[in-house]
C-alpha atoms as a PDB file:
ATOM      1  CA  MET A   1     208.584 -29.467  26.760  1.00  0.00           C
ATOM      2  CA  HIS A   2     205.437 -26.736  26.460  1.00  0.00           C
ATOM      3  CA  ALA A   3     204.892 -23.950  28.457  1.00  0.00           C
ATOM      4  CA  ILE A   4     202.372 -20.929  28.620  1.00  0.00           C
ATOM      5  CA  THR A   5     204.416 -17.916  27.193  1.00  0.00           C
ATOM      6  CA  ILE A   6     203.697 -14.178  27.811  1.00  0.00           C
ATOM      7  CA  PRO A   7     205.043 -12.854  24.240  1.00  0.00           C
ATOM      8  CA  GLU A   8     203.088  -9.600  24.638  1.00  0.00           C
ATOM      9  CA  PRO A   9     201.311  -8.448  27.902  1.00  0.00           C
ATOM     10  CA  GLY A  10     197.727  -8.092  27.816  1.00  0.00           C
ATOM     11  CA  GLY A  11     194.389 -10.033  27.827  1.00  0.00           C
ATOM     12  CA  PRO A  12     194.072 -13.824  28.616  1.00  0.00           C
ATOM     13  CA  GLU A  13     194.450 -14.184  24.728  1.00  0.00           C
ATOM     14  CA  SER A  14     198.055 -13.295  25.379  1.00  0.00           C
ATOM     15  CA  LEU A  15     198.941 -16.368  26.969  1.00  0.00           C
ATOM     16  CA  VAL A  16     200.244 -18.574  24.336  1.00  0.00           C
ATOM     17  CA  TRP A  17     201.255 -22.256  24.657  1.00  0.00           C
ATOM     18  CA  ALA A  18     204.339 -22.755  23.219  1.00  0.00           C
ATOM     19  CA  GLU A  19     207.476 -25.009  23.000  1.00  0.00           C
ATOM     20  CA  VAL A  20     210.399 -24.108  25.239  1.00  0.00           C
ATOM     21  CA  PRO A  21     213.589 -25.357  26.592  1.00  0.00           C
ATOM     22  CA  ASP A  22     213.771 -27.593  29.171  1.00  0.00           C
ATOM     23  CA  PRO A  23     214.788 -26.432  32.631  1.00  0.00           C
ATOM     24  CA  GLN A  24     217.921 -28.118  34.204  1.00  0.00           C
ATOM     25  CA  PRO A  25     218.288 -28.498  38.176  1.00  0.00           C
ATOM     26  CA  GLY A  26     221.085 -26.209  39.742  1.00  0.00           C
ATOM     27  CA  GLU A  27     222.615 -26.633  42.650  1.00  0.00           C
ATOM     28  CA  GLY A  28     219.712 -27.200  45.705  1.00  0.00           C
ATOM     29  CA  GLU A  29     216.911 -27.715  43.316  1.00  0.00           C
ATOM     30  CA  VAL A  30     214.771 -30.580  42.072  1.00  0.00           C
ATOM     31  CA  LEU A  31     213.006 -31.058  38.522  1.00  0.00           C
ATOM     32  CA  VAL A  32     209.611 -31.477  38.567  1.00  0.00           C
ATOM     33  CA  GLU A  33     207.367 -33.091  35.986  1.00  0.00           C
ATOM     34  CA  VAL A  34     204.391 -31.165  36.459  1.00  0.00           C
ATOM     35  CA  ALA A  35     200.869 -32.694  36.854  1.00  0.00           C
ATOM     36  CA  ALA A  36     198.875 -29.515  37.602  1.00  0.00           C
ATOM     37  CA  SER A  37     199.152 -25.772  38.573  1.00  0.00           C
ATOM     38  CA  ALA A  38     196.741 -23.203  39.808  1.00  0.00           C
ATOM     39  CA  VAL A  39     195.472 -19.688  38.456  1.00  0.00           C
ATOM     40  CA  ASN A  40     196.608 -16.738  40.815  1.00  0.00           C
ATOM     41  CA  ARG A  41     195.686 -13.325  40.871  1.00  0.00           C
ATOM     42  CA  ALA A  42     199.725 -13.036  40.629  1.00  0.00           C
ATOM     43  CA  ASP A  43     199.654 -14.503  37.488  1.00  0.00           C
ATOM     44  CA  ILE A  44     196.807 -12.522  35.886  1.00  0.00           C
ATOM     45  CA  MET A  45     199.178  -9.217  37.009  1.00  0.00           C
ATOM     46  CA  GLN A  46     201.956 -10.940  35.466  1.00  0.00           C
ATOM     47  CA  ARG A  47     200.055 -11.343  32.210  1.00  0.00           C
ATOM     48  CA  GLN A  48     198.877  -7.957  32.123  1.00  0.00           C
ATOM     49  CA  GLY A  49     202.827  -6.640  32.419  1.00  0.00           C
ATOM     50  CA  PHE A  50     202.639  -5.238  36.283  1.00  0.00           C
ATOM     51  CA  TYR A  51     204.425  -7.873  38.308  1.00  0.00           C
ATOM     52  CA  ASP A  52     207.440  -9.594  36.876  1.00  0.00           C
ATOM     53  CA  PRO A  53     209.173 -12.389  38.268  1.00  0.00           C
ATOM     54  CA  PRO A  54     212.117 -12.130  40.281  1.00  0.00           C
ATOM     55  CA  PRO A  55     215.214 -11.799  39.267  1.00  0.00           C
ATOM     56  CA  GLY A  56     216.532 -15.670  37.759  1.00  0.00           C
ATOM     57  CA  ALA A  57     212.800 -16.932  38.673  1.00  0.00           C
ATOM     58  CA  SER A  58     211.094 -18.505  35.458  1.00  0.00           C
ATOM     59  CA  PRO A  59     209.515 -16.234  33.347  1.00  0.00           C
ATOM     60  CA  TYR A  60     206.209 -18.036  32.579  1.00  0.00           C
ATOM     61  CA  PRO A  61     203.139 -17.876  35.298  1.00  0.00           C
ATOM     62  CA  GLY A  62     202.316 -19.947  37.757  1.00  0.00           C
ATOM     63  CA  LEU A  63     203.291 -19.479  41.655  1.00  0.00           C
ATOM     64  CA  GLU A  64     202.607 -23.261  42.745  1.00  0.00           C
ATOM     65  CA  CYS A  65     202.237 -26.902  41.205  1.00  0.00           C
ATOM     66  CA  SER A  66     201.976 -30.722  41.953  1.00  0.00           C
ATOM     67  CA  GLY A  67     203.827 -33.434  40.146  1.00  0.00           C
ATOM     68  CA  ARG A  68     206.564 -35.946  40.306  1.00  0.00           C
ATOM     69  CA  VAL A  69     210.300 -35.444  40.945  1.00  0.00           C
ATOM     70  CA  ALA A  70     212.025 -35.813  37.964  1.00  0.00           C
ATOM     71  CA  ALA A  71     215.706 -35.320  38.828  1.00  0.00           C
ATOM     72  CA  LEU A  72     217.444 -33.657  41.855  1.00  0.00           C
ATOM     73  CA  GLY A  73     220.153 -31.286  41.311  1.00  0.00           C
ATOM     74  CA  PRO A  74     224.092 -31.564  43.246  1.00  0.00           C
ATOM     75  CA  GLY A  75     223.492 -31.459  47.127  1.00  0.00           C
ATOM     76  CA  VAL A  76     219.648 -32.089  47.405  1.00  0.00           C
ATOM     77  CA  SER A  77     218.711 -34.855  50.160  1.00  0.00           C
ATOM     78  CA  GLY A  78     215.801 -35.904  51.158  1.00  0.00           C
ATOM     79  CA  TRP A  79     214.024 -36.537  48.024  1.00  0.00           C
ATOM     80  CA  ALA A  80     214.111 -39.020  45.243  1.00  0.00           C
ATOM     81  CA  VAL A  81     212.986 -39.310  41.430  1.00  0.00           C
ATOM     82  CA  GLY A  82     209.215 -40.785  41.331  1.00  0.00           C
ATOM     83  CA  ASP A  83     208.277 -38.576  44.703  1.00  0.00           C
ATOM     84  CA  GLU A  84     204.917 -37.303  44.551  1.00  0.00           C
ATOM     85  CA  VAL A  85     205.000 -33.255  45.548  1.00  0.00           C
ATOM     86  CA  CYS A  86     203.847 -30.263  45.342  1.00  0.00           C
ATOM     87  CA  ALA A  87     205.677 -26.844  45.374  1.00  0.00           C
ATOM     88  CA  LEU A  88     205.668 -23.171  45.800  1.00  0.00           C
ATOM     89  CA  LEU A  89     207.233 -21.481  43.327  1.00  0.00           C
ATOM     90  CA  SER A  90     208.535 -17.922  42.230  1.00  0.00           C
ATOM     91  CA  GLY A  91     207.175 -18.808  38.103  1.00  0.00           C
ATOM     92  CA  GLY A  92     207.175 -21.468  35.762  1.00  0.00           C
ATOM     93  CA  GLY A  93     204.175 -23.672  37.168  1.00  0.00           C
ATOM     94  CA  TYR A  94     202.163 -23.014  33.902  1.00  0.00           C
ATOM     95  CA  ALA A  95     204.799 -25.684  32.157  1.00  0.00           C
ATOM     96  CA  GLU A  96     205.185 -29.441  31.657  1.00  0.00           C
ATOM     97  CA  LYS A  97     208.605 -29.395  33.989  1.00  0.00           C
ATOM     98  CA  VAL A  98     209.781 -26.468  36.624  1.00  0.00           C
ATOM     99  CA  VAL A  99     212.805 -26.233  38.550  1.00  0.00           C
ATOM    100  CA  VAL A 100     212.553 -25.600  42.545  1.00  0.00           C
ATOM    101  CA  PRO A 101     214.359 -25.178  45.377  1.00  0.00           C
ATOM    102  CA  ALA A 102     214.359 -27.843  47.443  1.00  0.00           C
ATOM    103  CA  GLY A 103     213.149 -25.951  50.515  1.00  0.00           C
ATOM    104  CA  GLN A 104     210.195 -25.155  48.704  1.00  0.00           C
ATOM    105  CA  LEU A 105     208.830 -28.851  48.232  1.00  0.00           C
ATOM    106  CA  LEU A 106     206.403 -30.187  50.158  1.00  0.00           C
ATOM    107  CA  PRO A 107     204.713 -34.294  49.786  1.00  0.00           C
ATOM    108  CA  VAL A 108     201.483 -34.466  48.329  1.00  0.00           C
ATOM    109  CA  PRO A 109     199.483 -34.475  51.615  1.00  0.00           C
ATOM    110  CA  GLN A 110     197.508 -37.798  52.817  1.00  0.00           C
ATOM    111  CA  GLY A 111     194.443 -37.707  51.545  1.00  0.00           C
ATOM    112  CA  VAL A 112     194.719 -35.481  48.517  1.00  0.00           C
ATOM    113  CA  ASP A 113     195.091 -36.569  44.930  1.00  0.00           C
ATOM    114  CA  LEU A 114     197.798 -35.734  42.770  1.00  0.00           C
ATOM    115  CA  LYS A 115     196.302 -33.180  41.116  1.00  0.00           C
ATOM    116  CA  GLY A 116     194.256 -31.603  43.688  1.00  0.00           C
ATOM    117  CA  ALA A 117     197.523 -30.696  45.790  1.00  0.00           C
ATOM    118  CA  ALA A 118     198.292 -28.302  43.270  1.00  0.00           C
ATOM    119  CA  ALA A 119     195.722 -26.054  44.937  1.00  0.00           C
ATOM    120  CA  LEU A 120     197.722 -26.453  48.200  1.00  0.00           C
ATOM    121  CA  PRO A 121     201.524 -24.651  48.238  1.00  0.00           C
ATOM    122  CA  GLU A 122     200.500 -20.501  47.419  1.00  0.00           C
ATOM    123  CA  VAL A 123     197.211 -20.570  49.581  1.00  0.00           C
ATOM    124  CA  VAL A 124     198.595 -22.420  52.396  1.00  0.00           C
ATOM    125  CA  CYS A 125     202.114 -20.988  52.743  1.00  0.00           C
ATOM    126  CA  THR A 126     200.081 -17.233  52.430  1.00  0.00           C
ATOM    127  CA  VAL A 127     197.463 -18.041  54.885  1.00  0.00           C
ATOM    128  CA  TRP A 128     200.009 -19.947  57.333  1.00  0.00           C
ATOM    129  CA  SER A 129     202.627 -17.047  57.128  1.00  0.00           C
ATOM    130  CA  ASN A 130     200.084 -14.353  57.199  1.00  0.00           C
ATOM    131  CA  VAL A 131     197.242 -15.307  59.648  1.00  0.00           C
ATOM    132  CA  PHE A 132     199.224 -17.352  61.918  1.00  0.00           C
ATOM    133  CA  MET A 133     203.168 -16.423  61.686  1.00  0.00           C
ATOM    134  CA  VAL A 134     202.669 -12.681  61.830  1.00  0.00           C
ATOM    135  CA  ALA A 135     199.116 -11.905  63.279  1.00  0.00           C
ATOM    136  CA  HIS A 136     198.923 -14.893  65.709  1.00  0.00           C
ATOM    137  CA  LEU A 137     195.685 -16.075  65.494  1.00  0.00           C
ATOM    138  CA  ARG A 138     194.660 -17.437  68.461  1.00  0.00           C
ATOM    139  CA  PRO A 139     191.785 -20.203  69.651  1.00  0.00           C
ATOM    140  CA  GLY A 140     188.628 -17.926  70.368  1.00  0.00           C
ATOM    141  CA  GLU A 141     189.480 -15.030  68.748  1.00  0.00           C
ATOM    142  CA  THR A 142     187.407 -14.156  65.728  1.00  0.00           C
ATOM    143  CA  LEU A 143     189.065 -13.605  62.295  1.00  0.00           C
ATOM    144  CA  LEU A 144     187.504 -11.667  59.350  1.00  0.00           C
ATOM    145  CA  VAL A 145     188.296 -12.780  56.095  1.00  0.00           C
ATOM    146  CA  HIS A 146     187.646 -10.760  52.782  1.00  0.00           C
ATOM    147  CA  GLY A 147     186.945 -12.477  49.698  1.00  0.00           C
ATOM    148  CA  GLY A 148     186.109 -15.779  51.812  1.00  0.00           C
ATOM    149  CA  SER A 149     185.082 -18.034  49.040  1.00  0.00           C
ATOM    150  CA  SER A 150     188.634 -17.257  47.220  1.00  0.00           C
ATOM    151  CA  GLY A 151     191.273 -19.809  47.172  1.00  0.00           C
ATOM    152  CA  ILE A 152     192.845 -17.905  49.959  1.00  0.00           C
ATOM    153  CA  GLY A 153     189.658 -17.443  51.425  1.00  0.00           C
ATOM    154  CA  THR A 154     188.146 -20.860  51.570  1.00  0.00           C
ATOM    155  CA  MET A 155     191.612 -22.250  53.311  1.00  0.00           C
ATOM    156  CA  ALA A 156     191.876 -19.131  55.780  1.00  0.00           C
ATOM    157  CA  ILE A 157     188.667 -20.332  57.042  1.00  0.00           C
ATOM    158  CA  GLN A 158     189.491 -24.194  57.578  1.00  0.00           C
ATOM    159  CA  LEU A 159     192.546 -23.582  59.108  1.00  0.00           C
ATOM    160  CA  ALA A 160     191.164 -20.589  61.466  1.00  0.00           C
ATOM    161  CA  LYS A 161     188.242 -23.361  62.515  1.00  0.00           C
ATOM    162  CA  ALA A 162     190.876 -25.929  62.616  1.00  0.00           C
ATOM    163  CA  VAL A 163     192.661 -23.759  65.711  1.00  0.00           C
ATOM    164  CA  GLY A 164     189.272 -23.105  67.478  1.00  0.00           C
ATOM    165  CA  ALA A 165     188.544 -19.798  66.157  1.00  0.00           C
ATOM    166  CA  LYS A 166     185.192 -17.966  65.244  1.00  0.00           C
ATOM    167  CA  VAL A 167     185.548 -16.805  61.131  1.00  0.00           C
ATOM    168  CA  ALA A 168     183.580 -13.988  59.430  1.00  0.00           C
ATOM    169  CA  VAL A 169     183.767 -13.843  55.854  1.00  0.00           C
ATOM    170  CA  THR A 170     182.506 -11.456  52.895  1.00  0.00           C
ATOM    171  CA  ALA A 171     181.610 -12.568  49.791  1.00  0.00           C
ATOM    172  CA  GLY A 172     179.172 -10.996  46.974  1.00  0.00           C
ATOM    173  CA  THR A 173     176.973 -13.782  46.305  1.00  0.00           C
ATOM    174  CA  LYS A 174     174.334 -16.127  48.181  1.00  0.00           C
ATOM    175  CA  GLU A 175     175.839 -19.022  46.544  1.00  0.00           C
ATOM    176  CA  LYS A 176     179.697 -17.936  47.491  1.00  0.00           C
ATOM    177  CA  LEU A 177     178.507 -17.577  51.207  1.00  0.00           C
ATOM    178  CA  GLU A 178     176.817 -20.634  51.581  1.00  0.00           C
ATOM    179  CA  ARG A 179     179.393 -22.773  50.372  1.00  0.00           C
ATOM    180  CA  CYS A 180     181.804 -20.436  53.134  1.00  0.00           C
ATOM    181  CA  ALA A 181     179.695 -21.730  55.413  1.00  0.00           C
ATOM    182  CA  GLU A 182     180.079 -25.508  54.326  1.00  0.00           C
ATOM    183  CA  LEU A 183     183.595 -24.715  55.394  1.00  0.00           C
ATOM    184  CA  GLY A 184     182.770 -23.457  58.701  1.00  0.00           C
ATOM    185  CA  ALA A 185     182.288 -19.787  58.413  1.00  0.00           C
ATOM    186  CA  ASP A 186     180.245 -18.472  61.130  1.00  0.00           C
ATOM    187  CA  VAL A 187     179.422 -15.133  60.008  1.00  0.00           C
ATOM    188  CA  LEU A 188     178.537 -14.646  56.503  1.00  0.00           C
ATOM    189  CA  ILE A 189     178.636 -10.945  55.201  1.00  0.00           C
ATOM    190  CA  ASN A 190     177.131  -9.974  51.609  1.00  0.00           C
ATOM    191  CA  TYR A 191     179.543  -6.939  50.769  1.00  0.00           C
ATOM    192  CA  ARG A 192     176.962  -5.745  48.495  1.00  0.00           C
ATOM    193  CA  ASP A 193     174.126  -4.829  51.194  1.00  0.00           C
ATOM    194  CA  GLN A 194     175.542  -5.344  54.185  1.00  0.00           C
ATOM    195  CA  ASP A 195     178.245  -3.261  56.176  1.00  0.00           C
ATOM    196  CA  PHE A 196     181.495  -5.534  57.467  1.00  0.00           C
ATOM    197  CA  VAL A 197     182.096  -2.933  59.961  1.00  0.00           C
ATOM    198  CA  ALA A 198     178.408  -3.169  61.852  1.00  0.00           C
ATOM    199  CA  GLU A 199     178.277  -6.741  61.031  1.00  0.00           C
ATOM    200  CA  VAL A 200     181.213  -7.892  63.013  1.00  0.00           C
ATOM    201  CA  LYS A 201     181.093  -5.287  65.876  1.00  0.00           C
ATOM    202  CA  ASP A 202     177.534  -6.801  66.278  1.00  0.00           C
ATOM    203  CA  VAL A 203     178.719 -10.449  66.367  1.00  0.00           C
ATOM    204  CA  THR A 204     181.493  -9.468  68.700  1.00  0.00           C
ATOM    205  CA  GLY A 205     179.327  -7.628  71.089  1.00  0.00           C
ATOM    206  CA  GLY A 206     181.051  -4.165  70.100  1.00  0.00           C
ATOM    207  CA  ALA A 207     184.688  -5.688  69.946  1.00  0.00           C
ATOM    208  CA  GLY A 208     185.696  -6.447  66.231  1.00  0.00           C
ATOM    209  CA  ALA A 209     187.620  -8.834  64.729  1.00  0.00           C
ATOM    210  CA  ASP A 210     191.402  -9.918  66.106  1.00  0.00           C
ATOM    211  CA  VAL A 211     192.558 -10.671  62.747  1.00  0.00           C
ATOM    212  CA  ILE A 212     191.598  -9.555  59.267  1.00  0.00           C
ATOM    213  CA  LEU A 213     192.937 -11.067  56.360  1.00  0.00           C
ATOM    214  CA  ASP A 214     192.567  -8.317  53.699  1.00  0.00           C
ATOM    215  CA  ASN A 215     193.173  -8.654  49.686  1.00  0.00           C
ATOM    216  CA  MET A 216     191.341  -5.280  49.069  1.00  0.00           C
ATOM    217  CA  GLY A 217     194.019  -3.225  50.335  1.00  0.00           C
ATOM    218  CA  ALA A 218     193.261   1.001  49.689  1.00  0.00           C
ATOM    219  CA  LYS A 219     189.365   0.449  49.487  1.00  0.00           C
ATOM    220  CA  TYR A 220     189.132  -1.380  52.870  1.00  0.00           C
ATOM    221  CA  LEU A 221     192.319   0.310  54.622  1.00  0.00           C
ATOM    222  CA  ASP A 222     189.915   2.770  56.912  1.00  0.00           C
ATOM    223  CA  ARG A 223     187.457   0.379  57.440  1.00  0.00           C
ATOM    224  CA  ASN A 224     189.220  -2.379  58.032  1.00  0.00           C
ATOM    225  CA  VAL A 225     190.971  -0.255  61.286  1.00  0.00           C
ATOM    226  CA  GLN A 226     187.307   0.412  62.798  1.00  0.00           C
ATOM    227  CA  ALA A 227     186.539  -3.105  62.300  1.00  0.00           C
ATOM    228  CA  LEU A 228     189.669  -3.985  64.355  1.00  0.00           C
ATOM    229  CA  ALA A 229     189.653  -4.941  67.788  1.00  0.00           C
ATOM    230  CA  VAL A 230     191.743  -3.480  70.872  1.00  0.00           C
ATOM    231  CA  ASN A 231     195.227  -5.262  70.182  1.00  0.00           C
ATOM    232  CA  GLY A 232     193.531  -6.140  66.835  1.00  0.00           C
ATOM    233  CA  ARG A 233     195.977  -7.235  63.607  1.00  0.00           C
ATOM    234  CA  LEU A 234     195.124  -6.457  59.979  1.00  0.00           C
ATOM    235  CA  ALA A 235     196.928  -8.475  57.682  1.00  0.00           C
ATOM    236  CA  ILE A 236     197.333  -6.884  54.037  1.00  0.00           C
ATOM    237  CA  ILE A 237     197.960  -9.303  51.098  1.00  0.00           C
ATOM    238  CA  GLY A 238     196.430  -7.920  48.186  1.00  0.00           C
ATOM    239  CA  MET A 239     195.797  -4.433  46.323  1.00  0.00           C
ATOM    240  CA  GLN A 240     192.588  -5.318  44.497  1.00  0.00           C
ATOM    241  CA  GLY A 241     191.077  -1.882  46.063  1.00  0.00           C
ATOM    242  CA  GLY A 242     193.739   0.171  45.511  1.00  0.00           C
ATOM    243  CA  ARG A 243     197.620   0.638  46.233  1.00  0.00           C
ATOM    244  CA  LYS A 244     197.034   4.095  48.343  1.00  0.00           C
ATOM    245  CA  GLY A 245     194.958   4.272  51.284  1.00  0.00           C
ATOM    246  CA  GLU A 246     194.519   7.144  54.179  1.00  0.00           C
ATOM    247  CA  LEU A 247     195.247   5.541  57.645  1.00  0.00           C
ATOM    248  CA  ASN A 248     193.832   6.893  60.685  1.00  0.00           C
ATOM    249  CA  ILE A 249     196.773   6.556  63.269  1.00  0.00           C
ATOM    250  CA  GLY A 250     194.980   7.880  65.879  1.00  0.00           C
ATOM    251  CA  THR A 251     192.390   4.924  65.615  1.00  0.00           C
ATOM    252  CA  LEU A 252     195.276   2.454  65.312  1.00  0.00           C
ATOM    253  CA  LEU A 253     196.845   4.137  68.796  1.00  0.00           C
ATOM    254  CA  ALA A 254     193.640   3.990  70.366  1.00  0.00           C
ATOM    255  CA  LYS A 255     193.271   0.625  69.716  1.00  0.00           C
ATOM    256  CA  ARG A 256     196.908  -0.612  70.081  1.00  0.00           C
ATOM    257  CA  ALA A 257     196.473  -2.096  66.856  1.00  0.00           C
ATOM    258  CA  ALA A 258     199.080  -3.056  64.133  1.00  0.00           C
ATOM    259  CA  VAL A 259     198.927  -3.083  60.046  1.00  0.00           C
ATOM    260  CA  SER A 260     201.375  -5.801  58.385  1.00  0.00           C
ATOM    261  CA  ALA A 261     201.769  -6.126  54.662  1.00  0.00           C
ATOM    262  CA  THR A 262     203.394  -9.273  53.111  1.00  0.00           C
ATOM    263  CA  SER A 263     203.986 -11.095  49.492  1.00  0.00           C
ATOM    264  CA  LEU A 264     205.478 -14.261  49.015  1.00  0.00           C
ATOM    265  CA  ARG A 265     206.963 -14.311  45.367  1.00  0.00           C
ATOM    266  CA  ALA A 266     209.872 -12.305  46.590  1.00  0.00           C
ATOM    267  CA  ARG A 267     210.838 -13.262  49.560  1.00  0.00           C
ATOM    268  CA  PRO A 268     214.419 -14.972  49.612  1.00  0.00           C
ATOM    269  CA  LEU A 269     214.804 -18.721  49.517  1.00  0.00           C
ATOM    270  CA  GLU A 270     215.489 -18.875  53.192  1.00  0.00           C
ATOM    271  CA  GLU A 271     212.161 -17.178  54.352  1.00  0.00           C
ATOM    272  CA  LYS A 272     210.204 -19.388  51.648  1.00  0.00           C
ATOM    273  CA  ALA A 273     211.712 -22.680  53.137  1.00  0.00           C
ATOM    274  CA  ALA A 274     210.894 -21.464  56.664  1.00  0.00           C
ATOM    275  CA  ILE A 275     207.501 -20.957  55.854  1.00  0.00           C
ATOM    276  CA  VAL A 276     206.823 -24.195  54.309  1.00  0.00           C
ATOM    277  CA  ALA A 277     208.682 -26.207  56.686  1.00  0.00           C
ATOM    278  CA  ALA A 278     206.131 -24.408  59.270  1.00  0.00           C
ATOM    279  CA  VAL A 279     203.782 -25.835  56.529  1.00  0.00           C
ATOM    280  CA  ARG A 280     204.664 -29.298  56.701  1.00  0.00           C
ATOM    281  CA  GLU A 281     204.795 -29.085  60.577  1.00  0.00           C
ATOM    282  CA  HIS A 282     201.565 -27.713  61.273  1.00  0.00           C
ATOM    283  CA  VAL A 283     198.773 -27.901  58.549  1.00  0.00           C
ATOM    284  CA  TRP A 284     199.976 -31.437  56.918  1.00  0.00           C
ATOM    285  CA  PRO A 285     198.621 -33.188  59.443  1.00  0.00           C
ATOM    286  CA  LEU A 286     195.336 -31.467  59.554  1.00  0.00           C
ATOM    287  CA  PHE A 287     194.802 -33.108  55.884  1.00  0.00           C
ATOM    288  CA  ALA A 288     195.815 -36.442  56.920  1.00  0.00           C
ATOM    289  CA  GLY A 289     192.824 -35.807  59.930  1.00  0.00           C
ATOM    290  CA  GLY A 290     190.571 -34.694  57.633  1.00  0.00           C
ATOM    291  CA  HIS A 291     190.061 -31.012  58.953  1.00  0.00           C
ATOM    292  CA  VAL A 292     191.379 -29.152  55.989  1.00  0.00           C
ATOM    293  CA  ARG A 293     190.827 -30.198  52.068  1.00  0.00           C
ATOM    294  CA  PRO A 294     191.686 -28.418  49.021  1.00  0.00           C
ATOM    295  CA  VAL A 295     188.750 -26.587  47.332  1.00  0.00           C
ATOM    296  CA  VAL A 296     188.679 -27.232  43.493  1.00  0.00           C
ATOM    297  CA  ASP A 297     185.997 -25.351  41.479  1.00  0.00           C
ATOM    298  CA  ARG A 298     187.170 -26.444  37.901  1.00  0.00           C
ATOM    299  CA  GLU A 299     189.729 -28.402  36.405  1.00  0.00           C
ATOM    300  CA  MET A 300     190.752 -27.384  32.676  1.00  0.00           C
ATOM    301  CA  PRO A 301     193.703 -27.914  30.098  1.00  0.00           C
ATOM    302  CA  MET A 302     197.183 -25.992  30.822  1.00  0.00           C
ATOM    303  CA  SER A 303     197.100 -25.042  27.160  1.00  0.00           C
ATOM    304  CA  GLU A 304     193.445 -23.084  28.036  1.00  0.00           C
ATOM    305  CA  ALA A 305     194.828 -21.497  30.559  1.00  0.00           C
ATOM    306  CA  ALA A 306     193.923 -18.459  28.950  1.00  0.00           C
ATOM    307  CA  GLU A 307     190.075 -19.363  30.270  1.00  0.00           C
ATOM    308  CA  GLY A 308     191.286 -20.129  33.370  1.00  0.00           C
ATOM    309  CA  HIS A 309     192.031 -16.376  33.630  1.00  0.00           C
ATOM    310  CA  ARG A 310     188.563 -15.376  32.638  1.00  0.00           C
ATOM    311  CA  VAL A 311     187.305 -17.343  34.732  1.00  0.00           C
ATOM    312  CA  VAL A 312     189.408 -15.786  37.899  1.00  0.00           C
ATOM    313  CA  GLU A 313     189.461 -12.160  36.443  1.00  0.00           C
ATOM    314  CA  GLU A 314     185.504 -12.396  36.343  1.00  0.00           C
ATOM    315  CA  SER A 315     185.585 -14.007  40.039  1.00  0.00           C
ATOM    316  CA  GLY A 316     183.418 -16.247  38.697  1.00  0.00           C
ATOM    317  CA  HIS A 317     184.572 -19.337  40.825  1.00  0.00           C
ATOM    318  CA  ILE A 318     184.926 -20.846  44.122  1.00  0.00           C
ATOM    319  CA  GLY A 319     188.068 -21.781  45.460  1.00  0.00           C
ATOM    320  CA  LYS A 320     190.961 -22.816  43.186  1.00  0.00           C
ATOM    321  CA  VAL A 321     190.820 -23.320  38.830  1.00  0.00           C
ATOM    322  CA  LEU A 322     193.303 -25.675  38.238  1.00  0.00           C
ATOM    323  CA  LEU A 323     195.126 -25.886  34.729  1.00  0.00           C
ATOM    324  CA  VAL A 324     196.444 -29.640  34.423  1.00  0.00           C
ATOM    325  CA  ALA A 325     199.058 -30.710  32.311  1.00  0.00           C
ATOM    326  CA  PRO A 326     199.107 -33.304  29.064  1.00  0.00           C
END
């Protein structure tokens, strides 16, 4: 088969479409013939040499894919060759075939085409696990999403609205904010010329956000805590604004607030399987009802993954960039 390899860490040009050995499914695993994958920030970090795959994972980038089941490993039940699926991966999505633990497979949801389903596993599992399983967003509460036009952001808006929450978003252009509004965002904040702390306080009558989903990390840490409501929950899922920040414990105590930080890739298989099962139970029916949909900015051949990385690095997209296998 062919896959995107990284002979040496570096810029987008370091991604090489090359012939590699076919993977073979082991105990409890399924072989998927890939239809499409999607570009995630973690893939970019791996390409740069900053985010190695977990031990035993595929060395190729790609944290999600869609495709058809090609073979079943020993001990797998509930799936059949030919099933259309999408999958949460620890790596290997930028390839013509990938091996997936059976617990990380999902059927393609009703109303979504096979390629479009590649835009779902990583973002849906990230949003559901952080916003709902960890931060416990409830109907009537206010969610602030940083990077509202990203793949994560566009999914967070839709899921929060589906459960009856109010959604505020930050983004850097009028076009991106307009797309967020089309997806249901109630409060639109241009971070280039507006203070999100003041804006969130204003629209909540001084209370603040009940839950904040943050991809920036250190840069926004202090302001995020300021923007939290009493009993608020800050969920950190990225470090685009740095790794180390100063946390005002006094403010956190006064608000009886909480800060959590999670990642998906290195979690044990049983934890990933539990998240995937929760997504299938709670989120997949929303696709059938038309309440949630994948947001895809563009598709391109998987062999041109370098261009997909350039687009995402420049933040020149809304939603997900898909890489389509031959």
